[in-house]
């Protein structure tokens, strides 16, 4: 059973790293939206292509535009925080219980 426990723990660690990286992508994308960057810049295009599909899903269910302010990045950050505080420890706990 230790193999399954190690696998679940590895999944939890990789998911935690991926969520942290995506959190920083969302933050950088939100900060760039304040300065109106060059849309042909490859970094800007990557950031937009990485965040807009998730924003589109959120905007479909929740109105996120309040005047000139879009709160979709904030909602994504809250979802990431929830997953990091709930899902990751749960996976670690499952791995621990399988192991012992």
PDB file of N, CA and C in Angstrom:
ATOM      1  N   UNK A   1       0.811  -1.200   0.000  1.00  0.00           N
ATOM      2  CA  UNK A   1       0.000   0.000   0.000  1.00  0.00           C
ATOM      3  C   UNK A   1       0.853   1.262   0.000  1.00  0.00           C
ATOM      4  N   UNK A   2       2.122   1.127   0.343  1.00  0.00           N
ATOM      5  CA  UNK A   2       2.971   2.314   0.394  1.00  0.00           C
ATOM      6  C   UNK A   2       3.154   2.926  -0.990  1.00  0.00           C
ATOM      7  N   UNK A   3       3.035   2.126  -2.039  1.00  0.00           N
ATOM      8  CA  UNK A   3       3.170   2.661  -3.395  1.00  0.00           C
ATOM      9  C   UNK A   3       2.006   3.602  -3.695  1.00  0.00           C
ATOM     10  N   UNK A   4       0.805   3.200  -3.342  1.00  0.00           N
ATOM     11  CA  UNK A   4      -0.368   4.055  -3.543  1.00  0.00           C
ATOM     12  C   UNK A   4      -0.255   5.326  -2.710  1.00  0.00           C
ATOM     13  N   UNK A   5       0.219   5.197  -1.481  1.00  0.00           N
ATOM     14  CA  UNK A   5       0.388   6.366  -0.626  1.00  0.00           C
ATOM     15  C   UNK A   5       1.422   7.325  -1.214  1.00  0.00           C
ATOM     16  N   UNK A   6       2.524   6.789  -1.709  1.00  0.00           N
ATOM     17  CA  UNK A   6       3.541   7.645  -2.329  1.00  0.00           C
ATOM     18  C   UNK A   6       3.002   8.312  -3.587  1.00  0.00           C
ATOM     19  N   UNK A   7       2.197   7.593  -4.350  1.00  0.00           N
ATOM     20  CA  UNK A   7       1.603   8.170  -5.559  1.00  0.00           C
ATOM     21  C   UNK A   7       0.664   9.323  -5.213  1.00  0.00           C
ATOM     22  N   UNK A   8      -0.180   9.132  -4.216  1.00  0.00           N
ATOM     23  CA  UNK A   8      -1.120  10.186  -3.821  1.00  0.00           C
ATOM     24  C   UNK A   8      -0.362  11.388  -3.277  1.00  0.00           C
ATOM     25  N   UNK A   9       0.694  11.147  -2.520  1.00  0.00           N
ATOM     26  CA  UNK A   9       1.493  12.254  -2.001  1.00  0.00           C
ATOM     27  C   UNK A   9       2.191  13.009  -3.130  1.00  0.00           C
ATOM     28  N   UNK A  10       2.684  12.288  -4.132  1.00  0.00           N
ATOM     29  CA  UNK A  10       3.324  12.936  -5.278  1.00  0.00           C
ATOM     30  C   UNK A  10       2.313  13.770  -6.067  1.00  0.00           C
ATOM     31  N   UNK A  11       1.110  13.244  -6.240  1.00  0.00           N
ATOM     32  CA  UNK A  11       0.055  13.997  -6.925  1.00  0.00           C
ATOM     33  C   UNK A  11      -0.259  15.271  -6.148  1.00  0.00           C
ATOM     34  N   UNK A  12      -0.323  15.178  -4.835  1.00  0.00           N
ATOM     35  CA  UNK A  12      -0.612  16.356  -4.010  1.00  0.00           C
ATOM     36  C   UNK A  12       0.486  17.403  -4.157  1.00  0.00           C
ATOM     37  N   UNK A  13       1.735  16.968  -4.149  1.00  0.00           N
ATOM     38  CA  UNK A  13       2.843  17.933  -4.287  1.00  0.00           C
ATOM     39  C   UNK A  13       2.845  18.599  -5.656  1.00  0.00           C
ATOM     40  N   UNK A  14       2.668  17.816  -6.701  1.00  0.00           N
ATOM     41  CA  UNK A  14       2.659  18.376  -8.060  1.00  0.00           C
ATOM     42  C   UNK A  14       1.474  19.308  -8.250  1.00  0.00           C
ATOM     43  N   UNK A  15       0.315  18.939  -7.723  1.00  0.00           N
ATOM     44  CA  UNK A  15      -0.859  19.796  -7.819  1.00  0.00           C
ATOM     45  C   UNK A  15      -0.649  21.102  -7.060  1.00  0.00           C
ATOM     46  N   UNK A  16       0.001  21.031  -5.915  1.00  0.00           N
ATOM     47  CA  UNK A  16       0.287  22.237  -5.151  1.00  0.00           C
ATOM     48  C   UNK A  16       1.222  23.165  -5.926  1.00  0.00           C
ATOM     49  N   UNK A  17       2.246  22.610  -6.542  1.00  0.00           N
ATOM     50  CA  UNK A  17       3.172  23.416  -7.343  1.00  0.00           C
ATOM     51  C   UNK A  17       2.448  24.019  -8.544  1.00  0.00           C
ATOM     52  N   UNK A  18       1.631  23.222  -9.227  1.00  0.00           N
ATOM     53  CA  UNK A  18       0.903  23.720 -10.398  1.00  0.00           C
ATOM     54  C   UNK A  18      -0.065  24.836 -10.010  1.00  0.00           C
ATOM     55  N   UNK A  19      -0.743  24.686  -8.888  1.00  0.00           N
ATOM     56  CA  UNK A  19      -1.665  25.736  -8.446  1.00  0.00           C
ATOM     57  C   UNK A  19      -0.916  27.011  -8.081  1.00  0.00           C
ATOM     58  N   UNK A  20       0.255  26.880  -7.471  1.00  0.00           N
ATOM     59  CA  UNK A  20       1.049  28.056  -7.121  1.00  0.00           C
ATOM     60  C   UNK A  20       1.535  28.772  -8.379  1.00  0.00           C
ATOM     61  N   UNK A  21       1.994  28.026  -9.354  1.00  0.00           N
ATOM     62  CA  UNK A  21       2.447  28.635 -10.612  1.00  0.00           C
ATOM     63  C   UNK A  21       1.290  29.336 -11.302  1.00  0.00           C
ATOM     64  N   UNK A  22       0.128  28.693 -11.346  1.00  0.00           N
ATOM     65  CA  UNK A  22      -1.023  29.319 -12.000  1.00  0.00           C
ATOM     66  C   UNK A  22      -1.494  30.545 -11.231  1.00  0.00           C
ATOM     67  N   UNK A  23      -1.370  30.518  -9.908  1.00  0.00           N
ATOM     68  CA  UNK A  23      -1.718  31.691  -9.111  1.00  0.00           C
ATOM     69  C   UNK A  23      -0.857  32.884  -9.534  1.00  0.00           C
ATOM     70  N   UNK A  24       0.440  32.672  -9.708  1.00  0.00           N
ATOM     71  CA  UNK A  24       1.324  33.757 -10.124  1.00  0.00           C
ATOM     72  C   UNK A  24       1.026  34.213 -11.548  1.00  0.00           C
ATOM     73  N   UNK A  25       0.632  33.291 -12.417  1.00  0.00           N
ATOM     74  CA  UNK A  25       0.238  33.674 -13.777  1.00  0.00           C
ATOM     75  C   UNK A  25      -0.982  34.586 -13.731  1.00  0.00           C
ATOM     76  N   UNK A  26      -1.952  34.256 -12.899  1.00  0.00           N
ATOM     77  CA  UNK A  26      -3.164  35.089 -12.762  1.00  0.00           C
ATOM     78  C   UNK A  26      -2.807  36.458 -12.203  1.00  0.00           C
ATOM     79  N   UNK A  27      -1.945  36.497 -11.189  1.00  0.00           N
ATOM     80  CA  UNK A  27      -1.559  37.776 -10.591  1.00  0.00           C
ATOM     81  C   UNK A  27      -0.837  38.658 -11.604  1.00  0.00           C
ATOM     82  N   UNK A  28       0.114  38.091 -12.329  1.00  0.00           N
ATOM     83  CA  UNK A  28       0.862  38.871 -13.324  1.00  0.00           C
ATOM     84  C   UNK A  28      -0.059  39.341 -14.436  1.00  0.00           C
ATOM     85  N   UNK A  29      -0.966  38.481 -14.867  1.00  0.00           N
ATOM     86  CA  UNK A  29      -1.914  38.867 -15.915  1.00  0.00           C
ATOM     87  C   UNK A  29      -2.818  39.999 -15.450  1.00  0.00           C
ATOM     88  N   UNK A  30      -3.264  39.939 -14.201  1.00  0.00           N
ATOM     89  CA  UNK A  30      -4.124  41.005 -13.671  1.00  0.00           C
ATOM     90  C   UNK A  30      -3.356  42.318 -13.565  1.00  0.00           C
ATOM     91  N   UNK A  31      -2.114  42.252 -13.139  1.00  0.00           N
ATOM     92  CA  UNK A  31      -1.312  43.470 -13.044  1.00  0.00           C
ATOM     93  C   UNK A  31      -1.036  44.063 -14.426  1.00  0.00           C
ATOM     94  N   UNK A  32      -0.802  43.216 -15.403  1.00  0.00           N
ATOM     95  CA  UNK A  32      -0.565  43.710 -16.761  1.00  0.00           C
ATOM     96  C   UNK A  32      -1.814  44.342 -17.368  1.00  0.00           C
ATOM     97  N   UNK A  33      -2.975  43.903 -16.938  1.00  0.00           N
ATOM     98  CA  UNK A  33      -4.197  44.479 -17.501  1.00  0.00           C
ATOM     99  C   UNK A  33      -4.371  45.934 -17.092  1.00  0.00           C
ATOM    100  N   UNK A  34      -3.679  46.384 -16.053  1.00  0.00           N
ATOM    101  CA  UNK A  34      -3.776  47.777 -15.618  1.00  0.00           C
ATOM    102  C   UNK A  34      -2.982  48.713 -16.508  1.00  0.00           C
ATOM    103  N   UNK A  35      -1.979  48.206 -17.237  1.00  0.00           N
ATOM    104  CA  UNK A  35      -1.088  49.090 -17.990  1.00  0.00           C
ATOM    105  C   UNK A  35      -1.280  49.011 -19.498  1.00  0.00           C
ATOM    106  N   UNK A  36      -2.195  48.190 -19.980  1.00  0.00           N
ATOM    107  CA  UNK A  36      -2.462  48.053 -21.411  1.00  0.00           C
ATOM    108  C   UNK A  36      -1.193  47.719 -22.200  1.00  0.00           C
ATOM    109  N   UNK A  37      -0.659  46.509 -22.041  1.00  0.00           N
ATOM    110  CA  UNK A  37       0.586  46.138 -22.713  1.00  0.00           C
ATOM    111  C   UNK A  37       0.377  45.863 -24.199  1.00  0.00           C
ATOM    112  N   UNK A  38       1.475  45.699 -24.902  1.00  0.00           N
ATOM    113  CA  UNK A  38       1.447  45.382 -26.330  1.00  0.00           C
ATOM    114  C   UNK A  38       0.814  43.999 -26.534  1.00  0.00           C
ATOM    115  N   UNK A  39      -0.303  43.899 -27.247  1.00  0.00           N
ATOM    116  CA  UNK A  39      -0.971  42.597 -27.399  1.00  0.00           C
ATOM    117  C   UNK A  39      -0.195  41.606 -28.260  1.00  0.00           C
ATOM    118  N   UNK A  40       0.829  42.068 -28.967  1.00  0.00           N
ATOM    119  CA  UNK A  40       1.609  41.169 -29.817  1.00  0.00           C
ATOM    120  C   UNK A  40       2.851  40.632 -29.105  1.00  0.00           C
ATOM    121  N   UNK A  41       3.086  41.074 -27.886  1.00  0.00           N
ATOM    122  CA  UNK A  41       4.205  40.562 -27.104  1.00  0.00           C
ATOM    123  C   UNK A  41       3.931  39.096 -26.766  1.00  0.00           C
ATOM    124  N   UNK A  42       4.908  38.197 -26.991  1.00  0.00           N
ATOM    125  CA  UNK A  42       4.661  36.770 -26.729  1.00  0.00           C
ATOM    126  C   UNK A  42       4.330  36.449 -25.272  1.00  0.00           C
ATOM    127  N   UNK A  43       4.906  37.188 -24.350  1.00  0.00           N
ATOM    128  CA  UNK A  43       4.613  36.935 -22.934  1.00  0.00           C
ATOM    129  C   UNK A  43       3.173  37.322 -22.626  1.00  0.00           C
ATOM    130  N   UNK A  44       2.744  38.451 -23.137  1.00  0.00           N
ATOM    131  CA  UNK A  44       1.365  38.903 -22.922  1.00  0.00           C
ATOM    132  C   UNK A  44       0.396  37.925 -23.574  1.00  0.00           C
ATOM    133  N   UNK A  45       0.719  37.460 -24.745  1.00  0.00           N
ATOM    134  CA  UNK A  45      -0.158  36.499 -25.427  1.00  0.00           C
ATOM    135  C   UNK A  45      -0.253  35.193 -24.635  1.00  0.00           C
ATOM    136  N   UNK A  46       0.884  34.735 -24.078  1.00  0.00           N
ATOM    137  CA  UNK A  46       0.862  33.520 -23.266  1.00  0.00           C
ATOM    138  C   UNK A  46      -0.007  33.717 -22.029  1.00  0.00           C
ATOM    139  N   UNK A  47       0.179  34.840 -21.344  1.00  0.00           N
ATOM    140  CA  UNK A  47      -0.593  35.091 -20.127  1.00  0.00           C
ATOM    141  C   UNK A  47      -2.091  35.151 -20.423  1.00  0.00           C
ATOM    142  N   UNK A  48      -2.438  35.808 -21.501  1.00  0.00           N
ATOM    143  CA  UNK A  48      -3.870  35.897 -21.860  1.00  0.00           C
ATOM    144  C   UNK A  48      -4.422  34.534 -22.269  1.00  0.00           C
ATOM    145  N   UNK A  49      -3.637  33.767 -23.034  1.00  0.00           N
ATOM    146  CA  UNK A  49      -4.137  32.453 -23.455  1.00  0.00           C
ATOM    147  C   UNK A  49      -4.199  31.473 -22.287  1.00  0.00           C
ATOM    148  N   UNK A  50      -3.412  31.712 -21.246  1.00  0.00           N
ATOM    149  CA  UNK A  50      -3.449  30.831 -20.080  1.00  0.00           C
ATOM    150  C   UNK A  50      -4.573  31.185 -19.121  1.00  0.00           C
ATOM    151  N   UNK A  51      -4.994  32.452 -19.106  1.00  0.00           N
ATOM    152  CA  UNK A  51      -5.999  32.860 -18.120  1.00  0.00           C
ATOM    153  C   UNK A  51      -7.405  33.044 -18.699  1.00  0.00           C
ATOM    154  N   UNK A  52      -7.508  33.477 -19.932  1.00  0.00           N
ATOM    155  CA  UNK A  52      -8.837  33.779 -20.490  1.00  0.00           C
ATOM    156  C   UNK A  52      -9.788  32.593 -20.526  1.00  0.00           C
ATOM    157  N   UNK A  53      -9.352  31.355 -20.829  1.00  0.00           N
ATOM    158  CA  UNK A  53     -10.326  30.245 -20.793  1.00  0.00           C
ATOM    159  C   UNK A  53     -10.944  30.040 -19.408  1.00  0.00           C
ATOM    160  N   UNK A  54     -10.157  30.206 -18.367  1.00  0.00           N
ATOM    161  CA  UNK A  54     -10.687  30.057 -17.010  1.00  0.00           C
ATOM    162  C   UNK A  54     -11.610  31.225 -16.676  1.00  0.00           C
ATOM    163  N   UNK A  55     -11.211  32.432 -17.058  1.00  0.00           N
ATOM    164  CA  UNK A  55     -12.068  33.597 -16.825  1.00  0.00           C
ATOM    165  C   UNK A  55     -13.403  33.432 -17.548  1.00  0.00           C
ATOM    166  N   UNK A  56     -13.364  32.908 -18.764  1.00  0.00           N
ATOM    167  CA  UNK A  56     -14.591  32.727 -19.545  1.00  0.00           C
ATOM    168  C   UNK A  56     -15.561  31.790 -18.836  1.00  0.00           C
ATOM    169  N   UNK A  57     -15.040  30.717 -18.244  1.00  0.00           N
ATOM    170  CA  UNK A  57     -15.896  29.779 -17.515  1.00  0.00           C
ATOM    171  C   UNK A  57     -16.532  30.478 -16.318  1.00  0.00           C
ATOM    172  N   UNK A  58     -15.749  31.257 -15.589  1.00  0.00           N
ATOM    173  CA  UNK A  58     -16.278  31.961 -14.422  1.00  0.00           C
ATOM    174  C   UNK A  58     -17.301  33.010 -14.842  1.00  0.00           C
ATOM    175  N   UNK A  59     -17.000  33.744 -15.908  1.00  0.00           N
ATOM    176  CA  UNK A  59     -17.922  34.791 -16.378  1.00  0.00           C
ATOM    177  C   UNK A  59     -19.247  34.217 -16.865  1.00  0.00           C
ATOM    178  N   UNK A  60     -19.250  32.962 -17.282  1.00  0.00           N
ATOM    179  CA  UNK A  60     -20.477  32.336 -17.736  1.00  0.00           C
ATOM    180  C   UNK A  60     -21.466  32.160 -16.581  1.00  0.00           C
ATOM    181  N   UNK A  61     -20.962  31.937 -15.363  1.00  0.00           N
ATOM    182  CA  UNK A  61     -21.821  31.671 -14.218  1.00  0.00           C
ATOM    183  C   UNK A  61     -21.977  32.853 -13.269  1.00  0.00           C
ATOM    184  N   UNK A  62     -20.988  33.737 -13.232  1.00  0.00           N
ATOM    185  CA  UNK A  62     -21.007  34.845 -12.280  1.00  0.00           C
ATOM    186  C   UNK A  62     -20.748  36.147 -13.027  1.00  0.00           C
ATOM    187  N   UNK A  63     -21.563  37.176 -12.824  1.00  0.00           N
ATOM    188  CA  UNK A  63     -21.225  38.472 -13.433  1.00  0.00           C
ATOM    189  C   UNK A  63     -19.991  39.054 -12.735  1.00  0.00           C
ATOM    190  N   UNK A  64     -18.941  39.294 -13.496  1.00  0.00           N
ATOM    191  CA  UNK A  64     -17.675  39.707 -12.885  1.00  0.00           C
ATOM    192  C   UNK A  64     -17.284  41.139 -13.210  1.00  0.00           C
ATOM    193  N   UNK A  65     -18.034  41.811 -14.070  1.00  0.00           N
ATOM    194  CA  UNK A  65     -17.699  43.194 -14.412  1.00  0.00           C
ATOM    195  C   UNK A  65     -18.526  44.151 -13.563  1.00  0.00           C
ATOM    196  N   UNK A  66     -17.832  44.982 -12.810  1.00  0.00           N
ATOM    197  CA  UNK A  66     -18.475  46.028 -12.027  1.00  0.00           C
ATOM    198  C   UNK A  66     -17.859  47.346 -12.462  1.00  0.00           C
ATOM    199  N   UNK A  67     -18.481  47.960 -13.444  1.00  0.00           N
ATOM    200  CA  UNK A  67     -17.906  49.170 -14.032  1.00  0.00           C
ATOM    201  C   UNK A  67     -16.664  48.802 -14.830  1.00  0.00           C
ATOM    202  N   UNK A  68     -15.550  49.396 -14.470  1.00  0.00           N
ATOM    203  CA  UNK A  68     -14.292  49.109 -15.164  1.00  0.00           C
ATOM    204  C   UNK A  68     -13.487  48.023 -14.469  1.00  0.00           C
ATOM    205  N   UNK A  69     -14.025  47.466 -13.398  1.00  0.00           N
ATOM    206  CA  UNK A  69     -13.294  46.468 -12.617  1.00  0.00           C
ATOM    207  C   UNK A  69     -13.825  45.078 -12.935  1.00  0.00           C
ATOM    208  N   UNK A  70     -12.891  44.165 -13.233  1.00  0.00           N
ATOM    209  CA  UNK A  70     -13.232  42.766 -13.491  1.00  0.00           C
ATOM    210  C   UNK A  70     -12.711  41.947 -12.319  1.00  0.00           C
ATOM    211  N   UNK A  71     -13.609  41.254 -11.627  1.00  0.00           N
ATOM    212  CA  UNK A  71     -13.186  40.491 -10.459  1.00  0.00           C
ATOM    213  C   UNK A  71     -12.944  39.023 -10.766  1.00  0.00           C
ATOM    214  N   UNK A  72     -12.929  38.640 -12.029  1.00  0.00           N
ATOM    215  CA  UNK A  72     -12.663  37.246 -12.396  1.00  0.00           C
ATOM    216  C   UNK A  72     -11.304  36.769 -11.870  1.00  0.00           C
ATOM    217  N   UNK A  73     -10.229  37.575 -11.957  1.00  0.00           N
ATOM    218  CA  UNK A  73      -8.960  37.108 -11.379  1.00  0.00           C
ATOM    219  C   UNK A  73      -9.053  36.871  -9.877  1.00  0.00           C
ATOM    220  N   UNK A  74      -9.791  37.699  -9.175  1.00  0.00           N
ATOM    221  CA  UNK A  74      -9.953  37.515  -7.739  1.00  0.00           C
ATOM    222  C   UNK A  74     -10.686  36.211  -7.432  1.00  0.00           C
ATOM    223  N   UNK A  75     -11.699  35.899  -8.210  1.00  0.00           N
ATOM    224  CA  UNK A  75     -12.440  34.649  -8.014  1.00  0.00           C
ATOM    225  C   UNK A  75     -11.535  33.450  -8.280  1.00  0.00           C
ATOM    226  N   UNK A  76     -10.707  33.536  -9.328  1.00  0.00           N
ATOM    227  CA  UNK A  76      -9.767  32.448  -9.625  1.00  0.00           C
ATOM    228  C   UNK A  76      -8.783  32.278  -8.469  1.00  0.00           C
ATOM    229  N   UNK A  77      -8.280  33.377  -7.931  1.00  0.00           N
ATOM    230  CA  UNK A  77      -7.344  33.289  -6.806  1.00  0.00           C
ATOM    231  C   UNK A  77      -8.013  32.678  -5.575  1.00  0.00           C
ATOM    232  N   UNK A  78      -9.273  32.992  -5.344  1.00  0.00           N
ATOM    233  CA  UNK A  78      -9.992  32.393  -4.220  1.00  0.00           C
ATOM    234  C   UNK A  78     -10.193  30.894  -4.421  1.00  0.00           C
ATOM    235  N   UNK A  79     -10.473  30.488  -5.646  1.00  0.00           N
ATOM    236  CA  UNK A  79     -10.627  29.058  -5.942  1.00  0.00           C
ATOM    237  C   UNK A  79      -9.303  28.332  -5.738  1.00  0.00           C
ATOM    238  N   UNK A  80      -8.213  28.940  -6.195  1.00  0.00           N
ATOM    239  CA  UNK A  80      -6.890  28.337  -6.002  1.00  0.00           C
ATOM    240  C   UNK A  80      -6.576  28.222  -4.515  1.00  0.00           C
ATOM    241  N   UNK A  81      -6.866  29.271  -3.751  1.00  0.00           N
ATOM    242  CA  UNK A  81      -6.613  29.228  -2.306  1.00  0.00           C
ATOM    243  C   UNK A  81      -7.444  28.129  -1.645  1.00  0.00           C
ATOM    244  N   UNK A  82      -8.702  27.993  -2.048  1.00  0.00           N
ATOM    245  CA  UNK A  82      -9.542  26.938  -1.496  1.00  0.00           C
ATOM    246  C   UNK A  82      -8.949  25.567  -1.783  1.00  0.00           C
ATOM    247  N   UNK A  83      -8.525  25.363  -3.025  1.00  0.00           N
ATOM    248  CA  UNK A  83      -7.942  24.066  -3.375  1.00  0.00           C
ATOM    249  C   UNK A  83      -6.658  23.802  -2.601  1.00  0.00           C
ATOM    250  N   UNK A  84      -5.852  24.829  -2.393  1.00  0.00           N
ATOM    251  CA  UNK A  84      -4.600  24.638  -1.657  1.00  0.00           C
ATOM    252  C   UNK A  84      -4.839  24.401  -0.171  1.00  0.00           C
ATOM    253  N   UNK A  85      -5.890  24.978   0.389  1.00  0.00           N
ATOM    254  CA  UNK A  85      -6.162  24.791   1.810  1.00  0.00           C
ATOM    255  C   UNK A  85      -7.061  23.602   2.111  1.00  0.00           C
ATOM    256  N   UNK A  86      -7.776  23.088   1.113  1.00  0.00           N
ATOM    257  CA  UNK A  86      -8.666  21.957   1.352  1.00  0.00           C
ATOM    258  C   UNK A  86      -8.194  20.686   0.655  1.00  0.00           C
ATOM    259  N   UNK A  87      -8.004  20.747  -0.646  1.00  0.00           N
ATOM    260  CA  UNK A  87      -7.705  19.543  -1.423  1.00  0.00           C
ATOM    261  C   UNK A  87      -6.319  18.989  -1.136  1.00  0.00           C
ATOM    262  N   UNK A  88      -5.305  19.836  -1.103  1.00  0.00           N
ATOM    263  CA  UNK A  88      -3.939  19.366  -0.906  1.00  0.00           C
ATOM    264  C   UNK A  88      -3.782  18.696   0.467  1.00  0.00           C
ATOM    265  N   UNK A  89      -4.209  19.333   1.577  1.00  0.00           N
ATOM    266  CA  UNK A  89      -4.099  18.626   2.871  1.00  0.00           C
ATOM    267  C   UNK A  89      -4.922  17.346   2.923  1.00  0.00           C
ATOM    268  N   UNK A  90      -6.056  17.327   2.225  1.00  0.00           N
ATOM    269  CA  UNK A  90      -6.868  16.112   2.194  1.00  0.00           C
ATOM    270  C   UNK A  90      -6.112  14.981   1.508  1.00  0.00           C
ATOM    271  N   UNK A  91      -5.447  15.291   0.406  1.00  0.00           N
ATOM    272  CA  UNK A  91      -4.658  14.266  -0.277  1.00  0.00           C
ATOM    273  C   UNK A  91      -3.506  13.775   0.596  1.00  0.00           C
ATOM    274  N   UNK A  92      -2.844  14.693   1.299  1.00  0.00           N
ATOM    275  CA  UNK A  92      -1.780  14.285   2.218  1.00  0.00           C
ATOM    276  C   UNK A  92      -2.320  13.385   3.326  1.00  0.00           C
ATOM    277  N   UNK A  93      -3.494  13.728   3.842  1.00  0.00           N
ATOM    278  CA  UNK A  93      -4.094  12.918   4.904  1.00  0.00           C
ATOM    279  C   UNK A  93      -4.477  11.531   4.394  1.00  0.00           C
ATOM    280  N   UNK A  94      -4.994  11.446   3.185  1.00  0.00           N
ATOM    281  CA  UNK A  94      -5.323  10.149   2.596  1.00  0.00           C
ATOM    282  C   UNK A  94      -4.056   9.311   2.442  1.00  0.00           C
ATOM    283  N   UNK A  95      -2.986   9.919   1.957  1.00  0.00           N
ATOM    284  CA  UNK A  95      -1.720   9.210   1.801  1.00  0.00           C
ATOM    285  C   UNK A  95      -1.211   8.730   3.157  1.00  0.00           C
ATOM    286  N   UNK A  96      -1.340   9.568   4.180  1.00  0.00           N
ATOM    287  CA  UNK A  96      -0.884   9.195   5.513  1.00  0.00           C
ATOM    288  C   UNK A  96      -1.689   8.009   6.056  1.00  0.00           C
ATOM    289  N   UNK A  97      -2.997   8.053   5.881  1.00  0.00           N
ATOM    290  CA  UNK A  97      -3.843   6.972   6.402  1.00  0.00           C
ATOM    291  C   UNK A  97      -3.619   5.663   5.650  1.00  0.00           C
ATOM    292  N   UNK A  98      -3.302   5.735   4.368  1.00  0.00           N
ATOM    293  CA  UNK A  98      -3.012   4.517   3.622  1.00  0.00           C
ATOM    294  C   UNK A  98      -1.689   3.929   4.098  1.00  0.00           C
ATOM    295  N   UNK A  99      -0.740   4.799   4.380  1.00  0.00           N
ATOM    296  CA  UNK A  99       0.599   4.361   4.757  1.00  0.00           C
ATOM    297  C   UNK A  99       0.596   3.713   6.144  1.00  0.00           C
ATOM    298  N   UNK A 100      -0.168   4.263   7.098  1.00  0.00           N
ATOM    299  CA  UNK A 100      -0.107   3.758   8.485  1.00  0.00           C
ATOM    300  C   UNK A 100      -1.388   3.147   8.900  1.00  0.00           C
TER     301      UNK A 100
END
